[in-house]
Amino acid sequence: MKRKLSSNNIKALIVASIGISAAATIIATIGGKKFKNKSKKPIKSLAGTNYGEKQVYFIGGGLASLAGAAYLVRDCNFKGENIHVIEAMRILGGSNDGEGNASEGFICRGGRMLNEETYENFWELFSSIPSLDLQGKSVTEEILNFDHLHPTHAQARLVDKHGSIQDVKSMGFNNADRMALGKLMITPEEKLDGMTIQGWFSRTPHFFKTNFWNMWQTTFAFQKWSSLFEFKRYMERMIFEFSRIETLEGVTRTTYNQYESVILPLKTYLDGFGVDFSINATVTDLDFKSGDQITVTAIHIEESGDERVIELNLGDVCIMTNGCMTDSATLGDMHRPAGYNPNQLTSAELWAKIAEKKEGLGNPEPFFSHPEQTNWESFTVTCKGNKLLRLIEKFSTNIPGSGALMTFKDSNWLMSIVVAAQPHFKNQTLDTTIFWGYGLYTDKIGNYIKKSMADCTGEELLIELLHHLHMEDKKDEIMETVVNVIPCMMPYVDAQFQPRKMTDRPQVVPKGSTNFAMIGQFVEIPEDMVFTEEYSVRSARIAIYKLFNVTDKEIRPVTPYKRRPKVLKEALKTAFR
């Protein structure tokens, strides 16, 4: 049955259409194309190879640094032994993690949802990284093949307090909501400094009661007080996802956890070139040459209680990850809360030090000074056998790996769970199953466990979940199968979404830099969206190509889906469902 549009609906449609796409200026388009690795040959570069004994130092061992090292050896023919990755933790990978065993339990602090359409540089890079498990295949081929064989189509996106799966085909917007969204899309970013999502929609509070907000918020971990700037970028960058947010068909899953599926193959690739890795080594300060230019002259390192200084020679380069969202993370267990210690900072402290020394290096204060706003907590459940997963499968009608995200919309903690395809770890035994979940409101008292989420043990977190699933009558038999529930408190996991000024995030290669770049989630990349693997990889590629003058290779641009009529048409249809 077709629905008639009132005059108010038509006005909203026009505003949204113009705002999202400037549709009147678009004449033609090519539909979104999925990335295909047309050649399995290594990419060759014309970049110079006469680097002598020049050294490159990466501060931080997360995805951005590892990607930067890969671009150096692949596209610049740089000696691997002259590349140094310095990591404060005992393991590489940054926020791409996953570890544990079947007897003590597994832990995923979180899960990165990849995306086939918008990860332009990620897929290109990993098309040249060999898979560790599939001979002759790249990591890109491995992940996309797995994802296509395990498609996502969530049947239980939102669940209410009665345990009823909600009908989310309609976004639930009224015309005021649509008008506010349309106006946002035509507002220049420069006018959004410091503004929040809640502030923008203050005249239409109904927006926060819609199915759209409940799904969008928990899919990407936005809060009402998050940056309007970042919300707008997500709406533009992921506009095609708007049309399938109720099923999350656009989510691309890795075969295993991100550490084993993304970080390990990349590190193995770099090991083959002799890249030097230093773990449990904390960079405490950088020295700069005096003057208007930005030139790093020394790196101060604390390692095993000892301090040492690396003096940089002419031509040496320093590339720094200037912030990490999992800084100060703490773990608990079945009988112990994770604890909360936002003062265990490393990356933000270093960023603050150097920002005081040189202009143009950004400002960490908006991101790392409000842990009460940026924290949320995850928990990983490890079970013997599949009793609980089978019950969740029966409830949701999704087999493990096909449901993406299930959110309990009336949960005081706004709890969600993710059941990945099994096994999720390479060392996971056949009789072991795992899943993970998280809550955004850690200071709230639970609906059933009368404690704040932050104060709950792993067991209490699971009991709260069983109540939301209305499986409390099966609690005892379920708990008998539980090996461990490991909570993880992350005070700064939402830091990149904090309201800010345009200048608070530095440029990847700051103005006046001769040998210094900043990479990761807290640098400024026009049009792109933070909290993604693509952002880390893109920042690394920008840094390497600019500092090493790589001109024969392209940094893949942000795909302009917001200007494609077919995508816009589907988004507009969704807005009026």
Protein backbone atom coordinates (compact mmCIF):
# COMPACT_ATOMS: atom_id res chain seq x y z
CA MET A 1 0.00 0.00 0.00
CA LYS A 2 1.51 3.32 -1.07
CA ARG A 3 1.55 6.14 1.42
CA LYS A 4 0.48 9.67 0.45
CA LEU A 5 2.78 12.53 1.35
CA SER A 6 1.28 15.59 3.02
CA SER A 7 2.59 19.07 2.24
CA ASN A 8 4.68 18.92 5.43
CA ASN A 9 6.11 15.58 4.36
CA ILE A 10 6.99 17.02 0.97
CA LYS A 11 8.79 19.96 2.57
CA ALA A 12 10.77 17.61 4.79
CA LEU A 13 11.58 15.43 1.80
CA ILE A 14 12.91 18.40 -0.15
CA VAL A 15 15.02 19.65 2.74
CA ALA A 16 16.48 16.22 3.43
CA SER A 17 17.12 15.60 -0.24
CA ILE A 18 18.93 18.87 -0.81
CA GLY A 19 20.74 18.64 2.47
CA ILE A 20 22.06 15.18 2.01
CA SER A 21 23.07 15.34 -1.59
CA ALA A 22 22.63 18.67 -3.32
CA ALA A 23 20.59 16.45 -5.60
CA ALA A 24 19.81 19.15 -8.14
CA THR A 25 23.46 19.32 -9.16
CA ILE A 26 23.86 15.62 -9.78
CA ILE A 27 23.43 14.48 -13.36
CA ALA A 28 24.57 10.86 -13.28
CA THR A 29 26.15 8.29 -11.04
CA ILE A 30 27.75 4.91 -10.90
CA GLY A 31 26.36 2.51 -8.30
CA GLY A 32 28.51 1.62 -5.32
CA LYS A 33 31.10 -0.97 -6.30
CA LYS A 34 32.57 -3.50 -3.93
CA PHE A 35 36.34 -3.68 -3.75
CA LYS A 36 37.93 -6.32 -5.93
CA ASN A 37 41.58 -7.24 -5.83
CA LYS A 38 42.25 -7.39 -9.55
CA SER A 39 45.88 -8.38 -9.19
CA LYS A 40 47.67 -10.58 -6.70
CA LYS A 41 51.02 -9.10 -7.67
CA PRO A 42 52.70 -6.89 -5.04
CA ILE A 43 52.24 -3.20 -5.68
CA LYS A 44 55.41 -1.54 -6.88
CA SER A 45 56.28 2.08 -6.23
CA LEU A 46 58.55 4.55 -7.95
CA ALA A 47 59.40 6.16 -4.60
CA GLY A 48 63.12 6.64 -4.06
CA THR A 49 65.07 3.82 -2.46
CA ASN A 50 68.26 5.67 -1.50
CA TYR A 51 67.40 6.10 2.18
CA GLY A 52 70.80 5.03 3.48
CA GLU A 53 70.63 4.46 7.21
CA LYS A 54 67.64 6.73 7.84
CA GLN A 55 65.39 5.43 10.59
CA VAL A 56 61.62 5.65 11.14
CA TYR A 57 60.19 5.46 14.66
CA PHE A 58 56.51 4.68 15.24
CA ILE A 59 55.17 5.55 18.69
CA GLY A 60 52.35 3.12 19.48
CA GLY A 61 51.89 -0.40 18.15
CA GLY A 62 48.28 -0.25 16.99
CA LEU A 63 46.84 -0.72 13.53
CA ALA A 64 47.85 2.76 12.33
CA SER A 65 51.54 2.22 13.08
CA LEU A 66 51.60 -1.28 11.62
CA ALA A 67 49.85 -0.02 8.48
CA GLY A 68 52.39 2.81 8.24
CA ALA A 69 55.24 0.33 8.45
CA ALA A 70 53.61 -1.77 5.73
CA TYR A 71 53.32 1.23 3.41
CA LEU A 72 57.00 1.98 4.02
CA VAL A 73 58.22 -1.45 2.98
CA ARG A 74 55.66 -1.93 0.22
CA ASP A 75 55.47 1.47 -1.44
CA CYS A 76 58.76 3.12 -0.44
CA ASN A 77 61.13 0.15 -0.55
CA PHE A 78 62.30 1.15 2.92
CA LYS A 79 64.52 -1.24 4.87
CA GLY A 80 62.47 -3.16 7.42
CA GLU A 81 65.32 -3.23 9.95
CA ASN A 82 65.32 0.59 9.96
CA ILE A 83 61.66 0.73 11.01
CA HIS A 84 61.02 0.71 14.76
CA VAL A 85 57.61 0.26 16.43
CA ILE A 86 57.56 1.24 20.12
CA GLU A 87 54.59 -0.03 22.15
CA ALA A 88 53.86 0.54 25.84
CA MET A 89 51.73 -2.57 26.27
CA ARG A 90 52.96 -6.16 26.34
CA ILE A 91 51.31 -6.90 23.01
CA LEU A 92 50.82 -5.15 19.69
CA GLY A 93 47.46 -4.29 18.19
CA GLY A 94 46.23 -1.31 20.18
CA SER A 95 42.44 -1.55 20.40
CA ASN A 96 42.35 -4.51 18.00
CA ASP A 97 42.68 -7.20 20.58
CA GLY A 98 41.51 -10.63 21.66
CA GLU A 99 43.15 -13.21 23.88
CA GLY A 100 42.51 -15.94 26.43
CA ASN A 101 41.94 -19.68 26.61
CA ALA A 102 39.18 -22.21 27.15
CA SER A 103 40.00 -22.85 30.81
CA GLU A 104 40.27 -19.25 32.05
CA GLY A 105 38.00 -17.53 29.55
CA PHE A 106 38.46 -15.30 26.54
CA ILE A 107 38.36 -11.51 26.34
CA CYS A 108 37.37 -9.10 23.58
CA ARG A 109 37.40 -5.52 24.82
CA GLY A 110 35.27 -4.74 21.78
CA GLY A 111 34.69 -5.70 18.19
CA ARG A 112 35.42 -3.59 15.16
CA MET A 113 32.61 -3.75 12.60
CA LEU A 114 34.26 -3.55 9.19
CA ASN A 115 32.43 -2.29 6.12
CA GLU A 116 32.94 -3.35 2.53
CA GLU A 117 31.88 -0.10 0.86
CA THR A 118 33.67 2.52 2.96
CA TYR A 119 36.98 0.85 3.89
CA GLU A 120 38.70 1.96 0.70
CA ASN A 121 42.32 1.99 1.90
CA PHE A 122 41.92 -0.84 4.40
CA TRP A 123 40.92 -3.36 1.72
CA GLU A 124 43.59 -2.11 -0.67
CA LEU A 125 46.35 -2.48 1.92
CA PHE A 126 45.25 -5.90 3.11
CA SER A 127 44.96 -7.14 -0.47
CA SER A 128 48.78 -7.27 -0.33
CA ILE A 129 48.99 -8.89 3.13
CA PRO A 130 49.02 -12.70 2.87
CA SER A 131 46.44 -14.68 4.83
CA LEU A 132 47.93 -16.87 7.54
CA ASP A 133 45.37 -19.62 6.96
CA LEU A 134 44.51 -19.61 3.26
CA GLN A 135 47.51 -20.25 1.05
CA GLY A 136 47.71 -17.92 -1.94
CA LYS A 137 44.99 -15.64 -0.59
CA SER A 138 45.22 -12.14 0.86
CA VAL A 139 43.68 -11.00 4.13
CA THR A 140 41.17 -8.96 2.12
CA GLU A 141 40.10 -12.06 0.19
CA GLU A 142 39.96 -14.11 3.39
CA ILE A 143 37.74 -11.63 5.24
CA LEU A 144 35.39 -10.88 2.35
CA ASN A 145 35.04 -14.55 1.41
CA PHE A 146 34.18 -15.39 5.02
CA ASP A 147 31.73 -12.51 5.26
CA HIS A 148 29.94 -13.44 2.05
CA LEU A 149 29.55 -17.00 3.35
CA HIS A 150 28.24 -15.70 6.69
CA PRO A 151 25.90 -12.84 5.74
CA THR A 152 24.41 -10.63 8.41
CA HIS A 153 20.66 -10.17 8.67
CA ALA A 154 19.66 -9.34 12.21
CA GLN A 155 16.20 -10.55 13.21
CA ALA A 156 16.28 -9.13 16.74
CA ARG A 157 17.79 -5.65 16.59
CA LEU A 158 15.73 -4.18 19.43
CA VAL A 159 14.18 -6.06 22.35
CA ASP A 160 11.86 -4.40 24.88
CA LYS A 161 11.50 -5.00 28.63
CA HIS A 162 8.90 -7.70 28.04
CA GLY A 163 11.31 -9.70 25.91
CA SER A 164 9.45 -8.82 22.73
CA ILE A 165 11.42 -8.33 19.53
CA GLN A 166 10.47 -4.95 18.10
CA ASP A 167 9.32 -4.26 14.55
CA VAL A 168 12.00 -1.86 13.34
CA LYS A 169 11.11 -1.57 9.67
CA SER A 170 9.98 1.99 10.43
CA MET A 171 12.58 4.46 11.68
CA GLY A 172 9.83 6.12 13.72
CA PHE A 173 10.55 9.71 12.59
CA ASN A 174 8.03 12.50 12.65
CA ASN A 175 8.34 15.48 10.33
CA ALA A 176 10.18 17.58 12.92
CA ASP A 177 12.81 14.83 13.19
CA ARG A 178 13.17 14.72 9.40
CA MET A 179 13.46 18.48 9.12
CA ALA A 180 16.14 18.60 11.83
CA LEU A 181 18.13 15.86 10.06
CA GLY A 182 17.78 17.61 6.70
CA LYS A 183 18.93 20.93 8.14
CA LEU A 184 21.94 19.25 9.75
CA MET A 185 23.05 17.80 6.43
CA ILE A 186 23.15 21.22 4.76
CA THR A 187 24.93 22.95 7.66
CA PRO A 188 28.69 23.43 7.05
CA GLU A 189 30.98 21.64 9.48
CA GLU A 190 32.64 24.93 10.38
CA LYS A 191 29.45 26.02 12.14
CA LEU A 192 29.27 22.95 14.39
CA ASP A 193 32.24 23.58 16.70
CA GLY A 194 31.51 22.23 20.19
CA MET A 195 27.89 21.33 19.42
CA THR A 196 26.24 18.13 20.67
CA ILE A 197 23.63 15.84 19.15
CA GLN A 198 21.29 16.60 22.03
CA GLY A 199 21.65 20.32 21.50
CA TRP A 200 20.77 20.08 17.81
CA PHE A 201 17.64 17.99 18.40
CA SER A 202 16.52 19.89 21.52
CA ARG A 203 13.43 21.18 19.69
CA THR A 204 12.41 17.69 18.67
CA PRO A 205 13.18 15.43 21.67
CA HIS A 206 11.03 12.78 20.01
CA PHE A 207 14.10 12.00 17.88
CA PHE A 208 15.68 10.19 20.83
CA LYS A 209 12.67 7.87 21.14
CA THR A 210 12.83 6.64 17.56
CA ASN A 211 13.88 3.20 16.41
CA PHE A 212 16.55 4.93 14.36
CA TRP A 213 18.26 6.51 17.36
CA ASN A 214 18.12 3.31 19.42
CA MET A 215 19.79 1.39 16.59
CA TRP A 216 22.21 4.07 15.36
CA GLN A 217 23.37 4.94 18.88
CA THR A 218 24.21 1.38 19.88
CA THR A 219 25.64 0.35 16.51
CA PHE A 220 28.23 3.14 16.56
CA ALA A 221 28.30 3.93 20.34
CA PHE A 222 27.10 7.52 20.10
CA GLN A 223 25.76 9.30 23.16
CA LYS A 224 23.31 12.20 23.25
CA TRP A 225 26.20 14.42 24.37
CA SER A 226 28.48 13.23 21.56
CA SER A 227 29.80 15.58 18.90
CA LEU A 228 27.26 16.74 16.35
CA PHE A 229 30.20 17.07 13.99
CA GLU A 230 30.95 13.34 14.16
CA PHE A 231 27.27 12.38 13.94
CA LYS A 232 26.94 14.39 10.72
CA ARG A 233 30.01 12.71 9.22
CA TYR A 234 28.64 9.28 10.05
CA MET A 235 25.31 10.16 8.46
CA GLU A 236 27.08 11.28 5.28
CA ARG A 237 29.72 8.55 5.14
CA MET A 238 27.31 5.73 6.06
CA ILE A 239 24.21 7.01 4.29
CA PHE A 240 23.70 3.71 2.49
CA GLU A 241 23.82 2.00 5.91
CA PHE A 242 20.89 4.19 6.94
CA SER A 243 18.73 2.10 4.60
CA ARG A 244 19.67 -1.20 6.26
CA ILE A 245 20.32 -0.20 9.86
CA GLU A 246 17.48 -2.49 10.99
CA THR A 247 19.28 -5.59 9.68
CA LEU A 248 22.95 -4.47 9.73
CA GLU A 249 23.51 -6.21 6.43
CA GLY A 250 26.41 -3.85 5.79
CA VAL A 251 28.48 -5.18 8.70
CA THR A 252 31.56 -7.10 7.54
CA ARG A 253 32.89 -9.61 10.05
CA THR A 254 36.36 -11.08 10.29
CA THR A 255 36.89 -14.83 10.50
CA TYR A 256 38.24 -14.57 14.04
CA ASN A 257 38.71 -11.72 16.51
CA GLN A 258 40.45 -8.67 15.06
CA TYR A 259 43.79 -9.42 16.68
CA GLU A 260 44.09 -12.79 14.96
CA SER A 261 42.38 -11.78 11.70
CA VAL A 262 43.96 -8.35 11.18
CA ILE A 263 46.93 -7.65 13.48
CA LEU A 264 48.72 -11.02 13.38
CA PRO A 265 48.86 -11.29 9.56
CA LEU A 266 50.09 -7.69 9.35
CA LYS A 267 52.79 -8.26 11.97
CA THR A 268 53.84 -11.50 10.27
CA TYR A 269 54.17 -9.60 6.99
CA LEU A 270 56.35 -6.97 8.68
CA ASP A 271 58.43 -9.65 10.44
CA GLY A 272 59.34 -10.90 6.98
CA PHE A 273 61.03 -7.56 6.31
CA GLY A 274 62.82 -7.49 9.66
CA VAL A 275 60.82 -4.64 11.22
CA ASP A 276 61.94 -3.97 14.80
CA PHE A 277 59.30 -4.17 17.55
CA SER A 278 59.82 -2.91 21.09
CA ILE A 279 57.02 -3.79 23.54
CA ASN A 280 56.64 -2.75 27.18
CA ALA A 281 58.43 0.46 26.20
CA THR A 282 56.72 3.76 26.95
CA VAL A 283 57.61 6.97 25.12
CA THR A 284 57.47 9.70 27.76
CA ASP A 285 58.47 12.79 25.77
CA LEU A 286 59.71 14.19 22.46
CA ASP A 287 62.28 16.92 21.95
CA PHE A 288 61.85 19.42 19.12
CA LYS A 289 64.28 21.67 17.34
CA SER A 290 63.76 25.31 18.25
CA GLY A 291 62.20 27.56 15.64
CA ASP A 292 58.98 27.72 13.65
CA GLN A 293 59.33 24.32 12.03
CA ILE A 294 58.30 21.04 13.67
CA THR A 295 61.35 18.77 13.76
CA VAL A 296 61.70 15.97 16.31
CA THR A 297 65.26 15.66 17.58
CA ALA A 298 64.95 13.03 20.35
CA ILE A 299 62.59 10.38 21.74
CA HIS A 300 62.54 9.68 25.50
CA ILE A 301 61.70 6.08 26.43
CA GLU A 302 61.06 4.31 29.74
CA GLU A 303 61.63 0.57 29.59
CA SER A 304 61.82 -1.88 32.51
CA GLY A 305 62.34 1.00 34.90
CA ASP A 306 65.21 2.44 32.90
CA GLU A 307 65.16 5.59 30.82
CA ARG A 308 66.92 6.07 27.54
CA VAL A 309 66.97 8.65 24.79
CA ILE A 310 67.04 8.04 21.04
CA GLU A 311 68.71 10.91 19.23
CA LEU A 312 67.31 11.44 15.73
CA ASN A 313 69.73 12.09 12.92
CA LEU A 314 69.10 14.16 9.81
CA GLY A 315 66.47 12.42 7.72
CA ASP A 316 65.07 10.28 10.55
CA VAL A 317 61.28 10.35 10.95
CA CYS A 318 58.97 10.11 13.99
CA ILE A 319 55.32 9.08 13.56
CA MET A 320 53.12 9.11 16.65
CA THR A 321 49.69 7.68 17.49
CA ASN A 322 48.46 10.66 19.49
CA GLY A 323 45.61 8.98 21.38
CA CYS A 324 44.21 5.55 22.18
CA MET A 325 40.58 4.92 23.08
CA THR A 326 41.44 1.89 25.24
CA ASP A 327 43.89 3.77 27.46
CA SER A 328 43.30 3.06 31.17
CA ALA A 329 41.20 -0.04 30.44
CA THR A 330 40.83 -2.44 33.38
CA LEU A 331 39.64 -6.06 33.57
CA GLY A 332 37.61 -7.97 36.13
CA ASP A 333 36.40 -11.56 36.26
CA MET A 334 33.48 -13.71 37.31
CA HIS A 335 33.62 -12.55 40.92
CA ARG A 336 35.38 -9.18 40.64
CA PRO A 337 34.33 -5.90 38.99
CA ALA A 338 36.66 -4.41 36.42
CA GLY A 339 37.40 -1.34 38.52
CA TYR A 340 37.63 2.21 37.26
CA ASN A 341 40.93 4.08 36.99
CA PRO A 342 40.84 6.83 34.34
CA ASN A 343 44.19 8.19 35.52
CA GLN A 344 46.30 5.39 33.98
CA LEU A 345 46.90 7.39 30.82
CA THR A 346 49.82 7.04 28.44
CA SER A 347 49.09 8.31 24.93
CA ALA A 348 47.07 11.37 26.00
CA GLU A 349 49.76 12.45 28.47
CA LEU A 350 52.40 12.39 25.74
CA TRP A 351 50.09 14.26 23.37
CA ALA A 352 49.49 16.97 25.99
CA LYS A 353 53.24 17.38 26.55
CA ILE A 354 54.13 17.92 22.93
CA ALA A 355 51.06 20.10 22.22
CA GLU A 356 52.43 22.57 24.77
CA LYS A 357 55.75 22.70 22.95
CA LYS A 358 54.55 23.36 19.41
CA GLU A 359 51.53 24.98 17.82
CA GLY A 360 49.45 22.95 15.41
CA LEU A 361 49.62 19.67 17.34
CA GLY A 362 46.00 19.75 18.49
CA ASN A 363 44.44 19.65 21.94
CA PRO A 364 43.75 16.41 23.85
CA GLU A 365 41.66 18.12 26.56
CA PRO A 366 38.18 17.73 24.94
CA PHE A 367 38.80 14.04 24.36
CA PHE A 368 40.62 12.83 27.47
CA SER A 369 39.32 15.04 30.29
CA HIS A 370 35.76 13.75 30.59
CA PRO A 371 35.86 10.02 31.42
CA GLU A 372 32.41 10.25 33.02
CA GLN A 373 31.09 10.95 29.51
CA THR A 374 33.38 8.76 27.43
CA ASN A 375 33.38 5.47 29.35
CA TRP A 376 31.48 2.30 28.70
CA GLU A 377 31.94 -1.30 29.73
CA SER A 378 32.11 -4.54 27.78
CA PHE A 379 32.01 -8.13 28.99
CA THR A 380 33.03 -11.42 27.36
CA VAL A 381 31.23 -14.66 28.27
CA THR A 382 32.97 -18.03 27.87
CA CYS A 383 30.91 -21.21 28.23
CA LYS A 384 31.48 -24.96 28.06
CA GLY A 385 29.15 -26.28 25.42
CA ASN A 386 26.58 -24.24 23.54
CA LYS A 387 23.53 -24.27 25.82
CA LEU A 388 23.36 -20.48 26.21
CA LEU A 389 24.16 -19.75 22.56
CA ARG A 390 21.44 -22.18 21.47
CA LEU A 391 18.92 -20.41 23.71
CA ILE A 392 19.94 -17.03 22.29
CA GLU A 393 19.70 -18.46 18.77
CA LYS A 394 16.19 -19.75 19.47
CA PHE A 395 15.16 -16.39 20.89
CA SER A 396 16.62 -14.26 18.08
CA THR A 397 16.25 -16.78 15.19
CA ASN A 398 19.81 -15.82 14.21
CA ILE A 399 22.57 -18.41 14.11
CA PRO A 400 25.88 -17.23 15.63
CA GLY A 401 27.52 -14.69 13.33
CA SER A 402 24.36 -13.67 11.47
CA GLY A 403 22.70 -11.38 14.00
CA ALA A 404 25.29 -8.63 14.48
CA LEU A 405 23.88 -6.59 17.37
CA MET A 406 20.95 -7.18 19.72
CA THR A 407 20.04 -4.20 21.91
CA PHE A 408 17.81 -4.24 24.97
CA LYS A 409 16.31 -0.81 24.50
CA ASP A 410 14.76 -0.57 27.99
CA SER A 411 17.93 -1.66 29.76
CA ASN A 412 19.10 0.96 32.25
CA TRP A 413 22.62 0.25 31.01
CA LEU A 414 21.48 0.20 27.36
CA MET A 415 22.97 -3.26 27.08
CA SER A 416 23.70 -4.93 23.74
CA ILE A 417 25.22 -8.30 22.85
CA VAL A 418 27.10 -9.63 19.83
CA VAL A 419 27.25 -13.37 19.07
CA ALA A 420 30.03 -13.95 16.55
CA ALA A 421 30.45 -17.03 14.37
CA GLN A 422 32.16 -19.80 16.30
CA PRO A 423 35.02 -20.33 16.91
CA HIS A 424 36.00 -16.69 17.47
CA PHE A 425 39.52 -17.61 18.60
CA LYS A 426 41.96 -19.97 16.92
CA ASN A 427 42.70 -21.75 20.21
CA GLN A 428 39.02 -22.02 21.12
CA THR A 429 38.19 -25.72 21.70
CA LEU A 430 35.24 -27.31 19.92
CA ASP A 431 33.28 -27.60 23.18
CA THR A 432 33.71 -23.89 24.03
CA THR A 433 31.53 -20.97 22.94
CA ILE A 434 31.94 -17.25 23.52
CA PHE A 435 30.07 -13.99 22.95
CA TRP A 436 30.48 -10.44 24.15
CA GLY A 437 28.32 -7.48 25.06
CA TYR A 438 28.50 -3.95 26.36
CA GLY A 439 26.56 -1.21 28.10
CA LEU A 440 26.75 2.54 27.48
CA TYR A 441 25.41 3.79 30.84
CA THR A 442 27.80 2.33 33.38
CA ASP A 443 26.75 4.61 36.25
CA LYS A 444 23.09 3.53 36.17
CA ILE A 445 21.56 0.94 38.51
CA GLY A 446 20.61 -2.27 36.70
CA ASN A 447 16.99 -3.21 36.10
CA TYR A 448 17.44 -6.47 38.03
CA ILE A 449 20.86 -6.26 39.68
CA LYS A 450 20.56 -3.23 41.92
CA LYS A 451 24.09 -1.98 41.38
CA SER A 452 25.72 0.24 38.80
CA MET A 453 27.16 -1.60 35.85
CA ALA A 454 30.64 -0.39 36.80
CA ASP A 455 30.32 -2.06 40.22
CA CYS A 456 29.13 -5.43 38.92
CA THR A 457 31.09 -8.64 38.77
CA GLY A 458 31.07 -10.70 35.60
CA GLU A 459 28.50 -13.03 37.13
CA GLU A 460 26.18 -10.12 37.94
CA LEU A 461 26.48 -8.74 34.42
CA LEU A 462 25.44 -12.11 32.99
CA ILE A 463 22.51 -12.45 35.40
CA GLU A 464 21.27 -9.01 34.34
CA LEU A 465 21.47 -10.13 30.72
CA LEU A 466 19.55 -13.35 31.43
CA HIS A 467 16.74 -11.31 32.92
CA HIS A 468 16.55 -9.12 29.80
CA LEU A 469 16.41 -12.32 27.74
CA HIS A 470 13.71 -13.60 30.15
CA MET A 471 15.75 -16.73 30.76
CA GLU A 472 15.96 -16.31 34.53
CA ASP A 473 14.13 -19.61 35.04
CA LYS A 474 17.09 -21.33 33.36
CA LYS A 475 19.72 -19.38 35.28
CA ASP A 476 21.08 -22.26 37.36
CA GLU A 477 21.56 -24.66 34.44
CA ILE A 478 23.12 -21.88 32.33
CA MET A 479 25.50 -20.77 35.08
CA GLU A 480 26.76 -24.34 35.43
CA THR A 481 28.18 -24.06 31.90
CA VAL A 482 29.89 -20.69 32.40
CA VAL A 483 33.70 -20.73 32.50
CA ASN A 484 34.15 -17.01 33.07
CA VAL A 485 32.63 -13.60 32.40
CA ILE A 486 35.33 -10.94 32.04
CA PRO A 487 34.22 -7.32 32.37
CA CYS A 488 36.31 -4.56 30.80
CA MET A 489 35.93 -0.93 31.84
CA MET A 490 37.18 1.56 29.23
CA PRO A 491 37.14 5.16 30.47
CA TYR A 492 37.98 6.72 27.09
CA VAL A 493 36.47 4.37 24.52
CA ASP A 494 34.08 7.09 23.29
CA ALA A 495 36.69 9.86 23.48
CA GLN A 496 36.85 10.40 19.72
CA PHE A 497 33.14 11.35 19.71
CA GLN A 498 33.52 14.19 22.21
CA PRO A 499 32.37 17.71 21.21
CA ARG A 500 35.37 19.67 19.95
CA LYS A 501 36.66 22.47 17.84
CA MET A 502 37.90 21.89 14.31
CA THR A 503 41.45 22.65 15.50
CA ASP A 504 41.45 20.17 18.40
CA ARG A 505 42.41 17.31 16.11
CA PRO A 506 45.78 17.99 14.45
CA GLN A 507 46.56 17.45 10.79
CA VAL A 508 48.27 14.13 10.02
CA VAL A 509 51.36 16.03 8.90
CA PRO A 510 51.20 19.32 10.80
CA LYS A 511 52.05 22.56 9.05
CA GLY A 512 55.78 23.17 9.22
CA SER A 513 56.67 19.54 9.91
CA THR A 514 59.93 18.28 8.48
CA ASN A 515 59.99 14.79 10.02
CA PHE A 516 56.90 14.35 12.19
CA ALA A 517 53.36 13.03 11.70
CA MET A 518 50.45 11.99 13.91
CA ILE A 519 48.18 9.06 13.07
CA GLY A 520 45.21 7.14 14.46
CA GLN A 521 41.74 8.15 15.61
CA PHE A 522 42.56 11.62 16.93
CA VAL A 523 43.88 13.34 13.81
CA GLU A 524 41.82 15.30 11.29
CA ILE A 525 40.96 13.68 7.97
CA PRO A 526 38.37 15.63 5.97
CA GLU A 527 35.04 13.83 5.40
CA ASP A 528 36.11 10.57 7.02
CA MET A 529 34.64 9.06 10.21
CA VAL A 530 36.54 8.10 13.34
CA PHE A 531 36.15 4.89 15.38
CA THR A 532 36.94 2.80 12.30
CA GLU A 533 39.78 0.65 11.02
CA GLU A 534 39.73 2.65 7.80
CA TYR A 535 40.52 5.88 9.66
CA SER A 536 43.67 4.38 11.17
CA VAL A 537 44.86 2.94 7.87
CA ARG A 538 44.04 6.11 5.91
CA SER A 539 45.92 8.30 8.41
CA ALA A 540 48.98 6.05 8.11
CA ARG A 541 48.90 6.20 4.33
CA ILE A 542 48.63 9.99 4.37
CA ALA A 543 51.60 10.24 6.74
CA ILE A 544 53.87 7.96 4.72
CA TYR A 545 52.97 9.34 1.31
CA LYS A 546 53.46 12.96 2.40
CA LEU A 547 56.65 12.49 4.39
CA PHE A 548 58.24 10.25 1.76
CA ASN A 549 56.88 12.03 -1.30
CA VAL A 550 55.04 9.04 -2.77
CA THR A 551 53.38 10.53 -5.84
CA ASP A 552 52.81 7.50 -8.06
CA LYS A 553 50.26 5.87 -5.75
CA GLU A 554 46.82 7.11 -4.80
CA ILE A 555 45.43 7.57 -1.32
CA ARG A 556 41.96 6.28 -2.04
CA PRO A 557 39.45 9.10 -1.52
CA VAL A 558 36.31 8.98 0.61
CA THR A 559 33.67 7.44 -1.65
CA PRO A 560 30.97 10.09 -2.30
CA TYR A 561 27.93 7.93 -1.57
CA LYS A 562 26.05 10.99 -0.30
CA ARG A 563 26.04 12.30 -3.89
CA ARG A 564 24.71 9.13 -5.53
CA PRO A 565 21.02 9.38 -6.42
CA LYS A 566 20.33 5.66 -6.03
CA VAL A 567 21.73 5.65 -2.49
CA LEU A 568 19.89 8.86 -1.63
CA LYS A 569 16.62 7.52 -2.95
CA GLU A 570 16.85 4.49 -0.67
CA ALA A 571 17.78 6.66 2.32
CA LEU A 572 14.82 8.97 1.72
CA LYS A 573 12.44 6.03 1.37
CA THR A 574 13.74 4.70 4.69
CA ALA A 575 13.22 8.08 6.38
CA PHE A 576 9.52 7.97 5.53
CA ARG A 577 8.90 4.36 6.46
